[in-house]
Amino acid sequence: MRSSLRIFLGFLLTATIANAQINRGVYMARQSEGDKTLIHELKLDDNYLVHTVYRESPPEFVKTLGGFYNSTDGKLDIKLEFNSQYAQDSIKSLSIPYILEGDVLVLKLATTLEFEKGASLAQDLDGKWLFATRGPDTGQDRRGEENPRKTMKFLMDGRFQWIAYHTETFRFSGTGGGHYTAEDGNYTEYIQYFSRDNNRVGAKLKFLYNINGDDWHHQGKNSRGEPMYEIWSRRK
């Protein structure tokens, strides 16, 4: 009888943990691969997530995917908007079993990984942004949410990532990310992965920013050292 009771209580505890609400934030995991280590970065807000994998040394981008999700019955059900490996695997949706133990999120992927939640670090530019147009703002046409061709920036808790993709064809054009600071109109990116050129890892890029309503005015020089003025629109 006592053994049956322990099994029953264990089942209830596991079910409760599996159905716990996942807190928004950035979760990180490390995975050994021979003599190298893979970094898994998972950014989640209330309804969207991005999972990116890269190596630090030597620097190498591996993959990224993301889209809208909901969590029910101990699973993350994800409708992908992009998948950098789509040409190889044709995956447009995922259902991933998970268990939440405090700030540790356990995901059953190809292998089971434990993601630890990083510290919360609110900054001005946190959120999802879609590229709208080149600045300055003179009433020109904008690339809106309904356009399948998207470039999105996802910033959260000191981490940033941009992703260029097409939601209908799943054509993936590139991504890059790392950590950032945004304060008093000064925005700085520290690149830790870049799908188009691993040699760009380690670069530090400085920009000026201004938030005007739901617009982010972004000015400075791009990764090639050319002047740029972009306007990004906050994604709801």
C-alpha atoms as a PDB file:
ATOM      1  CA  MET A   1       0.000   0.000   0.000  1.00  0.00           C
ATOM      2  CA  ARG A   2       2.771   2.457   0.940  1.00  0.00           C
ATOM      3  CA  SER A   3       4.630   1.657  -2.290  1.00  0.00           C
ATOM      4  CA  SER A   4       1.495   2.326  -4.344  1.00  0.00           C
ATOM      5  CA  LEU A   5       0.972   5.609  -2.498  1.00  0.00           C
ATOM      6  CA  ARG A   6       4.550   6.733  -3.226  1.00  0.00           C
ATOM      7  CA  ILE A   7       4.106   5.925  -6.920  1.00  0.00           C
ATOM      8  CA  PHE A   8       0.800   7.814  -7.006  1.00  0.00           C
ATOM      9  CA  LEU A   9       2.266  10.880  -5.262  1.00  0.00           C
ATOM     10  CA  GLY A  10       5.287  10.777  -7.585  1.00  0.00           C
ATOM     11  CA  PHE A  11       2.970  10.735 -10.584  1.00  0.00           C
ATOM     12  CA  LEU A  12       1.057  13.751  -9.261  1.00  0.00           C
ATOM     13  CA  LEU A  13       4.287  15.677  -8.629  1.00  0.00           C
ATOM     14  CA  THR A  14       5.652  14.937 -12.107  1.00  0.00           C
ATOM     15  CA  ALA A  15       2.358  15.930 -13.731  1.00  0.00           C
ATOM     16  CA  THR A  16       2.325  19.206 -11.764  1.00  0.00           C
ATOM     17  CA  ILE A  17       5.909  20.030 -12.768  1.00  0.00           C
ATOM     18  CA  ALA A  18       5.272  19.152 -16.404  1.00  0.00           C
ATOM     19  CA  ASN A  19       2.245  21.459 -16.583  1.00  0.00           C
ATOM     20  CA  ALA A  20       3.860  24.372 -14.744  1.00  0.00           C
ATOM     21  CA  GLN A  21       3.764  27.700 -16.560  1.00  0.00           C
ATOM     22  CA  ILE A  22       7.079  28.537 -18.205  1.00  0.00           C
ATOM     23  CA  ASN A  23       8.343  31.970 -17.213  1.00  0.00           C
ATOM     24  CA  ARG A  24       9.406  34.266 -20.025  1.00  0.00           C
ATOM     25  CA  GLY A  25      13.127  34.851 -20.297  1.00  0.00           C
ATOM     26  CA  VAL A  26      16.365  33.503 -21.740  1.00  0.00           C
ATOM     27  CA  TYR A  27      17.343  29.914 -20.970  1.00  0.00           C
ATOM     28  CA  MET A  28      20.789  28.479 -21.730  1.00  0.00           C
ATOM     29  CA  ALA A  29      22.111  24.907 -21.964  1.00  0.00           C
ATOM     30  CA  ARG A  30      25.470  23.360 -22.814  1.00  0.00           C
ATOM     31  CA  GLN A  31      25.890  20.100 -24.687  1.00  0.00           C
ATOM     32  CA  SER A  32      29.166  18.229 -25.023  1.00  0.00           C
ATOM     33  CA  GLU A  33      30.015  17.054 -28.527  1.00  0.00           C
ATOM     34  CA  GLY A  34      33.362  15.298 -28.509  1.00  0.00           C
ATOM     35  CA  ASP A  35      35.974  17.873 -27.563  1.00  0.00           C
ATOM     36  CA  LYS A  36      33.608  20.746 -28.409  1.00  0.00           C
ATOM     37  CA  THR A  37      30.662  22.300 -26.609  1.00  0.00           C
ATOM     38  CA  LEU A  38      27.372  23.345 -28.164  1.00  0.00           C
ATOM     39  CA  ILE A  39      25.602  26.380 -26.694  1.00  0.00           C
ATOM     40  CA  HIS A  40      21.795  26.229 -26.774  1.00  0.00           C
ATOM     41  CA  GLU A  41      20.002  29.548 -26.314  1.00  0.00           C
ATOM     42  CA  LEU A  42      16.229  29.608 -25.844  1.00  0.00           C
ATOM     43  CA  LYS A  43      14.374  32.938 -25.774  1.00  0.00           C
ATOM     44  CA  LEU A  44      10.695  32.828 -24.776  1.00  0.00           C
ATOM     45  CA  ASP A  45       8.113  35.537 -24.299  1.00  0.00           C
ATOM     46  CA  ASP A  46       4.408  34.891 -23.698  1.00  0.00           C
ATOM     47  CA  ASN A  47       3.720  33.301 -27.102  1.00  0.00           C
ATOM     48  CA  TYR A  48       6.931  33.190 -29.152  1.00  0.00           C
ATOM     49  CA  LEU A  49      10.219  31.334 -28.832  1.00  0.00           C
ATOM     50  CA  VAL A  50      13.540  31.114 -30.637  1.00  0.00           C
ATOM     51  CA  HIS A  51      16.003  28.249 -30.177  1.00  0.00           C
ATOM     52  CA  THR A  52      19.545  28.824 -31.450  1.00  0.00           C
ATOM     53  CA  VAL A  53      22.584  26.550 -31.332  1.00  0.00           C
ATOM     54  CA  TYR A  54      26.198  27.631 -31.810  1.00  0.00           C
ATOM     55  CA  ARG A  55      29.763  26.879 -30.750  1.00  0.00           C
ATOM     56  CA  GLU A  56      31.985  29.380 -28.970  1.00  0.00           C
ATOM     57  CA  SER A  57      35.426  27.931 -29.706  1.00  0.00           C
ATOM     58  CA  PRO A  58      36.081  27.779 -32.534  1.00  0.00           C
ATOM     59  CA  PRO A  59      33.088  30.036 -33.303  1.00  0.00           C
ATOM     60  CA  GLU A  60      30.508  28.321 -35.476  1.00  0.00           C
ATOM     61  CA  PHE A  61      26.790  28.861 -36.081  1.00  0.00           C
ATOM     62  CA  VAL A  62      24.847  25.572 -36.091  1.00  0.00           C
ATOM     63  CA  LYS A  63      21.115  26.260 -36.433  1.00  0.00           C
ATOM     64  CA  THR A  64      18.135  28.361 -35.368  1.00  0.00           C
ATOM     65  CA  LEU A  65      14.367  27.953 -35.447  1.00  0.00           C
ATOM     66  CA  GLY A  66      11.420  29.797 -33.967  1.00  0.00           C
ATOM     67  CA  GLY A  67       7.743  30.589 -34.004  1.00  0.00           C
ATOM     68  CA  PHE A  68       4.552  30.889 -32.007  1.00  0.00           C
ATOM     69  CA  TYR A  69       3.983  28.358 -29.237  1.00  0.00           C
ATOM     70  CA  ASN A  70       1.666  27.249 -26.473  1.00  0.00           C
ATOM     71  CA  SER A  71       2.381  24.935 -23.573  1.00  0.00           C
ATOM     72  CA  THR A  72      -0.198  22.318 -22.618  1.00  0.00           C
ATOM     73  CA  ASP A  73      -0.098  18.819 -21.149  1.00  0.00           C
ATOM     74  CA  GLY A  74       3.643  18.968 -20.590  1.00  0.00           C
ATOM     75  CA  LYS A  75       4.454  19.821 -24.209  1.00  0.00           C
ATOM     76  CA  LEU A  76       5.617  22.881 -26.116  1.00  0.00           C
ATOM     77  CA  ASP A  77       3.617  22.945 -29.333  1.00  0.00           C
ATOM     78  CA  ILE A  78       5.348  25.241 -31.822  1.00  0.00           C
ATOM     79  CA  LYS A  79       4.187  26.505 -35.203  1.00  0.00           C
ATOM     80  CA  LEU A  80       7.460  27.527 -36.797  1.00  0.00           C
ATOM     81  CA  GLU A  81       7.951  30.731 -38.783  1.00  0.00           C
ATOM     82  CA  PHE A  82      11.533  29.877 -39.660  1.00  0.00           C
ATOM     83  CA  ASN A  83      13.911  26.921 -39.567  1.00  0.00           C
ATOM     84  CA  SER A  84      17.477  27.328 -40.790  1.00  0.00           C
ATOM     85  CA  GLN A  85      17.618  23.594 -41.556  1.00  0.00           C
ATOM     86  CA  TYR A  86      14.304  23.439 -43.394  1.00  0.00           C
ATOM     87  CA  ALA A  87      15.996  22.498 -46.691  1.00  0.00           C
ATOM     88  CA  GLN A  88      17.302  19.368 -44.935  1.00  0.00           C
ATOM     89  CA  ASP A  89      14.465  18.363 -42.600  1.00  0.00           C
ATOM     90  CA  SER A  90      11.274  20.107 -43.940  1.00  0.00           C
ATOM     91  CA  ILE A  91      10.074  20.687 -40.349  1.00  0.00           C
ATOM     92  CA  LYS A  92       7.391  23.380 -39.902  1.00  0.00           C
ATOM     93  CA  SER A  93       6.036  22.403 -36.473  1.00  0.00           C
ATOM     94  CA  LEU A  94       7.258  20.744 -33.290  1.00  0.00           C
ATOM     95  CA  SER A  95       5.819  19.214 -30.148  1.00  0.00           C
ATOM     96  CA  ILE A  96       8.483  19.034 -27.440  1.00  0.00           C
ATOM     97  CA  PRO A  97       7.924  17.338 -24.036  1.00  0.00           C
ATOM     98  CA  TYR A  98       9.135  19.449 -21.127  1.00  0.00           C
ATOM     99  CA  ILE A  99       9.422  19.523 -17.363  1.00  0.00           C
ATOM    100  CA  LEU A 100       9.898  22.723 -15.365  1.00  0.00           C
ATOM    101  CA  GLU A 101      11.780  22.494 -12.066  1.00  0.00           C
ATOM    102  CA  GLY A 102      12.117  25.993 -10.635  1.00  0.00           C
ATOM    103  CA  ASP A 103      14.247  27.950 -13.100  1.00  0.00           C
ATOM    104  CA  VAL A 104      15.423  24.784 -14.870  1.00  0.00           C
ATOM    105  CA  LEU A 105      13.549  23.864 -18.046  1.00  0.00           C
ATOM    106  CA  VAL A 106      14.123  20.267 -19.175  1.00  0.00           C
ATOM    107  CA  LEU A 107      13.403  19.677 -22.884  1.00  0.00           C
ATOM    108  CA  LYS A 108      13.330  16.301 -24.578  1.00  0.00           C
ATOM    109  CA  LEU A 109      14.965  17.129 -27.910  1.00  0.00           C
ATOM    110  CA  ALA A 110      17.189  14.713 -29.857  1.00  0.00           C
ATOM    111  CA  THR A 111      18.791  14.415 -26.440  1.00  0.00           C
ATOM    112  CA  THR A 112      17.386  15.613 -23.112  1.00  0.00           C
ATOM    113  CA  LEU A 113      18.787  19.017 -22.159  1.00  0.00           C
ATOM    114  CA  GLU A 114      18.514  21.106 -19.010  1.00  0.00           C
ATOM    115  CA  PHE A 115      18.124  24.824 -19.721  1.00  0.00           C
ATOM    116  CA  GLU A 116      18.845  27.242 -16.872  1.00  0.00           C
ATOM    117  CA  LYS A 117      17.062  30.578 -16.823  1.00  0.00           C
ATOM    118  CA  GLY A 118      19.325  33.607 -16.852  1.00  0.00           C
ATOM    119  CA  ALA A 119      18.882  36.717 -14.739  1.00  0.00           C
ATOM    120  CA  SER A 120      16.149  39.150 -15.730  1.00  0.00           C
ATOM    121  CA  LEU A 121      17.588  42.332 -17.199  1.00  0.00           C
ATOM    122  CA  ALA A 122      14.988  44.762 -18.526  1.00  0.00           C
ATOM    123  CA  GLN A 123      16.207  47.303 -21.083  1.00  0.00           C
ATOM    124  CA  ASP A 124      14.574  49.848 -23.391  1.00  0.00           C
ATOM    125  CA  LEU A 125      14.575  47.704 -26.530  1.00  0.00           C
ATOM    126  CA  ASP A 126      13.360  44.407 -25.082  1.00  0.00           C
ATOM    127  CA  GLY A 127      10.777  42.696 -27.283  1.00  0.00           C
ATOM    128  CA  LYS A 128      10.236  41.551 -30.861  1.00  0.00           C
ATOM    129  CA  TRP A 129      10.753  44.002 -33.726  1.00  0.00           C
ATOM    130  CA  LEU A 130      10.185  43.714 -37.458  1.00  0.00           C
ATOM    131  CA  PHE A 131      12.177  45.675 -40.004  1.00  0.00           C
ATOM    132  CA  ALA A 132       9.842  48.310 -41.451  1.00  0.00           C
ATOM    133  CA  THR A 133      11.836  50.638 -43.723  1.00  0.00           C
ATOM    134  CA  ARG A 134      14.998  52.637 -44.260  1.00  0.00           C
ATOM    135  CA  GLY A 135      15.080  55.939 -42.420  1.00  0.00           C
ATOM    136  CA  PRO A 136      14.466  58.764 -42.108  1.00  0.00           C
ATOM    137  CA  ASP A 137      10.682  58.481 -41.806  1.00  0.00           C
ATOM    138  CA  THR A 138       9.244  60.492 -44.705  1.00  0.00           C
ATOM    139  CA  GLY A 139       6.000  58.579 -45.261  1.00  0.00           C
ATOM    140  CA  GLN A 140       7.501  55.847 -47.446  1.00  0.00           C
ATOM    141  CA  ASP A 141       5.984  52.383 -47.782  1.00  0.00           C
ATOM    142  CA  ARG A 142       6.694  49.944 -44.981  1.00  0.00           C
ATOM    143  CA  ARG A 143       7.144  46.194 -44.855  1.00  0.00           C
ATOM    144  CA  GLY A 144       4.273  45.135 -42.589  1.00  0.00           C
ATOM    145  CA  GLU A 145       3.367  42.077 -40.536  1.00  0.00           C
ATOM    146  CA  GLU A 146       1.400  40.628 -43.468  1.00  0.00           C
ATOM    147  CA  ASN A 147       4.514  40.521 -45.672  1.00  0.00           C
ATOM    148  CA  PRO A 148       5.922  36.947 -45.714  1.00  0.00           C
ATOM    149  CA  ARG A 149       9.434  38.328 -46.129  1.00  0.00           C
ATOM    150  CA  LYS A 150      10.540  39.265 -42.639  1.00  0.00           C
ATOM    151  CA  THR A 151      13.588  40.407 -40.742  1.00  0.00           C
ATOM    152  CA  MET A 152      12.963  40.199 -37.017  1.00  0.00           C
ATOM    153  CA  LYS A 153      14.971  41.230 -33.991  1.00  0.00           C
ATOM    154  CA  PHE A 154      14.277  39.541 -30.673  1.00  0.00           C
ATOM    155  CA  LEU A 155      15.823  41.227 -27.632  1.00  0.00           C
ATOM    156  CA  MET A 156      15.414  39.959 -24.085  1.00  0.00           C
ATOM    157  CA  ASP A 157      17.378  40.018 -20.824  1.00  0.00           C
ATOM    158  CA  GLY A 158      20.556  41.330 -22.414  1.00  0.00           C
ATOM    159  CA  ARG A 159      20.473  38.928 -25.382  1.00  0.00           C
ATOM    160  CA  PHE A 160      19.733  39.921 -28.989  1.00  0.00           C
ATOM    161  CA  GLN A 161      19.188  38.107 -32.276  1.00  0.00           C
ATOM    162  CA  TRP A 162      18.179  39.125 -35.780  1.00  0.00           C
ATOM    163  CA  ILE A 163      16.707  36.607 -38.212  1.00  0.00           C
ATOM    164  CA  ALA A 164      15.907  37.077 -41.934  1.00  0.00           C
ATOM    165  CA  TYR A 165      13.401  34.591 -43.370  1.00  0.00           C
ATOM    166  CA  HIS A 166      10.319  33.988 -45.525  1.00  0.00           C
ATOM    167  CA  THR A 167       7.256  32.539 -43.798  1.00  0.00           C
ATOM    168  CA  GLU A 168       5.710  30.981 -46.930  1.00  0.00           C
ATOM    169  CA  THR A 169       8.706  29.402 -48.652  1.00  0.00           C
ATOM    170  CA  PHE A 170      10.704  28.929 -45.410  1.00  0.00           C
ATOM    171  CA  ARG A 171      13.705  30.387 -47.190  1.00  0.00           C
ATOM    172  CA  PHE A 172      16.253  31.270 -44.502  1.00  0.00           C
ATOM    173  CA  SER A 173      18.557  34.206 -45.267  1.00  0.00           C
ATOM    174  CA  GLY A 174      20.660  34.543 -42.133  1.00  0.00           C
ATOM    175  CA  THR A 175      20.934  35.313 -38.441  1.00  0.00           C
ATOM    176  CA  GLY A 176      23.294  36.737 -35.883  1.00  0.00           C
ATOM    177  CA  GLY A 177      23.232  37.463 -32.190  1.00  0.00           C
ATOM    178  CA  GLY A 178      24.892  37.681 -28.829  1.00  0.00           C
ATOM    179  CA  HIS A 179      24.513  40.082 -25.944  1.00  0.00           C
ATOM    180  CA  TYR A 180      23.714  43.785 -25.963  1.00  0.00           C
ATOM    181  CA  THR A 181      23.270  46.930 -23.913  1.00  0.00           C
ATOM    182  CA  ALA A 182      20.783  49.745 -24.531  1.00  0.00           C
ATOM    183  CA  GLU A 183      20.861  52.868 -22.393  1.00  0.00           C
ATOM    184  CA  ASP A 184      20.476  56.629 -22.877  1.00  0.00           C
ATOM    185  CA  GLY A 185      20.154  56.333 -26.643  1.00  0.00           C
ATOM    186  CA  ASN A 186      23.276  54.170 -27.034  1.00  0.00           C
ATOM    187  CA  TYR A 187      22.895  50.607 -28.282  1.00  0.00           C
ATOM    188  CA  THR A 188      25.837  48.181 -28.450  1.00  0.00           C
ATOM    189  CA  GLU A 189      25.908  44.655 -29.870  1.00  0.00           C
ATOM    190  CA  TYR A 190      28.524  42.047 -28.996  1.00  0.00           C
ATOM    191  CA  ILE A 191      28.392  39.335 -31.658  1.00  0.00           C
ATOM    192  CA  GLN A 192      28.696  35.715 -30.470  1.00  0.00           C
ATOM    193  CA  TYR A 193      27.340  33.948 -33.566  1.00  0.00           C
ATOM    194  CA  PHE A 194      26.795  34.971 -37.175  1.00  0.00           C
ATOM    195  CA  SER A 195      25.513  32.505 -39.766  1.00  0.00           C
ATOM    196  CA  ARG A 196      26.992  34.320 -42.763  1.00  0.00           C
ATOM    197  CA  ASP A 197      30.545  34.696 -41.489  1.00  0.00           C
ATOM    198  CA  ASN A 198      31.990  33.065 -38.367  1.00  0.00           C
ATOM    199  CA  ASN A 199      34.877  35.556 -38.559  1.00  0.00           C
ATOM    200  CA  ARG A 200      32.495  38.304 -37.436  1.00  0.00           C
ATOM    201  CA  VAL A 201      32.216  36.700 -33.998  1.00  0.00           C
ATOM    202  CA  GLY A 202      33.794  38.950 -31.385  1.00  0.00           C
ATOM    203  CA  ALA A 203      32.861  42.181 -33.150  1.00  0.00           C
ATOM    204  CA  LYS A 204      31.451  45.053 -31.122  1.00  0.00           C
ATOM    205  CA  LEU A 205      29.001  47.317 -32.959  1.00  0.00           C
ATOM    206  CA  LYS A 206      27.797  50.649 -31.601  1.00  0.00           C
ATOM    207  CA  PHE A 207      24.621  52.444 -32.667  1.00  0.00           C
ATOM    208  CA  LEU A 208      22.295  55.256 -31.661  1.00  0.00           C
ATOM    209  CA  TYR A 209      18.649  54.492 -30.955  1.00  0.00           C
ATOM    210  CA  ASN A 210      15.438  56.389 -30.396  1.00  0.00           C
ATOM    211  CA  ILE A 211      12.001  54.986 -29.613  1.00  0.00           C
ATOM    212  CA  ASN A 212       9.110  56.898 -31.192  1.00  0.00           C
ATOM    213  CA  GLY A 213       5.805  55.244 -30.323  1.00  0.00           C
ATOM    214  CA  ASP A 214       6.060  51.703 -31.677  1.00  0.00           C
ATOM    215  CA  ASP A 215       9.060  52.570 -33.860  1.00  0.00           C
ATOM    216  CA  TRP A 216      12.732  51.982 -33.116  1.00  0.00           C
ATOM    217  CA  HIS A 217      14.997  54.337 -35.061  1.00  0.00           C
ATOM    218  CA  HIS A 218      18.365  52.620 -35.414  1.00  0.00           C
ATOM    219  CA  GLN A 219      21.394  54.542 -36.721  1.00  0.00           C
ATOM    220  CA  GLY A 220      25.102  53.833 -37.082  1.00  0.00           C
ATOM    221  CA  LYS A 221      27.302  51.671 -39.277  1.00  0.00           C
ATOM    222  CA  ASN A 222      26.583  48.123 -40.376  1.00  0.00           C
ATOM    223  CA  SER A 223      28.956  45.144 -40.075  1.00  0.00           C
ATOM    224  CA  ARG A 224      30.677  46.307 -43.291  1.00  0.00           C
ATOM    225  CA  GLY A 225      31.297  49.788 -41.885  1.00  0.00           C
ATOM    226  CA  GLU A 226      28.674  51.453 -44.093  1.00  0.00           C
ATOM    227  CA  PRO A 227      26.317  54.172 -42.751  1.00  0.00           C
ATOM    228  CA  MET A 228      22.798  52.939 -42.043  1.00  0.00           C
ATOM    229  CA  TYR A 229      19.470  54.253 -40.778  1.00  0.00           C
ATOM    230  CA  GLU A 230      16.765  51.659 -40.142  1.00  0.00           C
ATOM    231  CA  ILE A 231      13.277  51.845 -38.670  1.00  0.00           C
ATOM    232  CA  TRP A 232      11.947  48.792 -36.856  1.00  0.00           C
ATOM    233  CA  SER A 233       8.345  48.354 -35.755  1.00  0.00           C
ATOM    234  CA  ARG A 234       7.379  46.665 -32.498  1.00  0.00           C
ATOM    235  CA  ARG A 235       5.750  43.290 -33.054  1.00  0.00           C
ATOM    236  CA  LYS A 236       2.660  42.733 -30.954  1.00  0.00           C
END
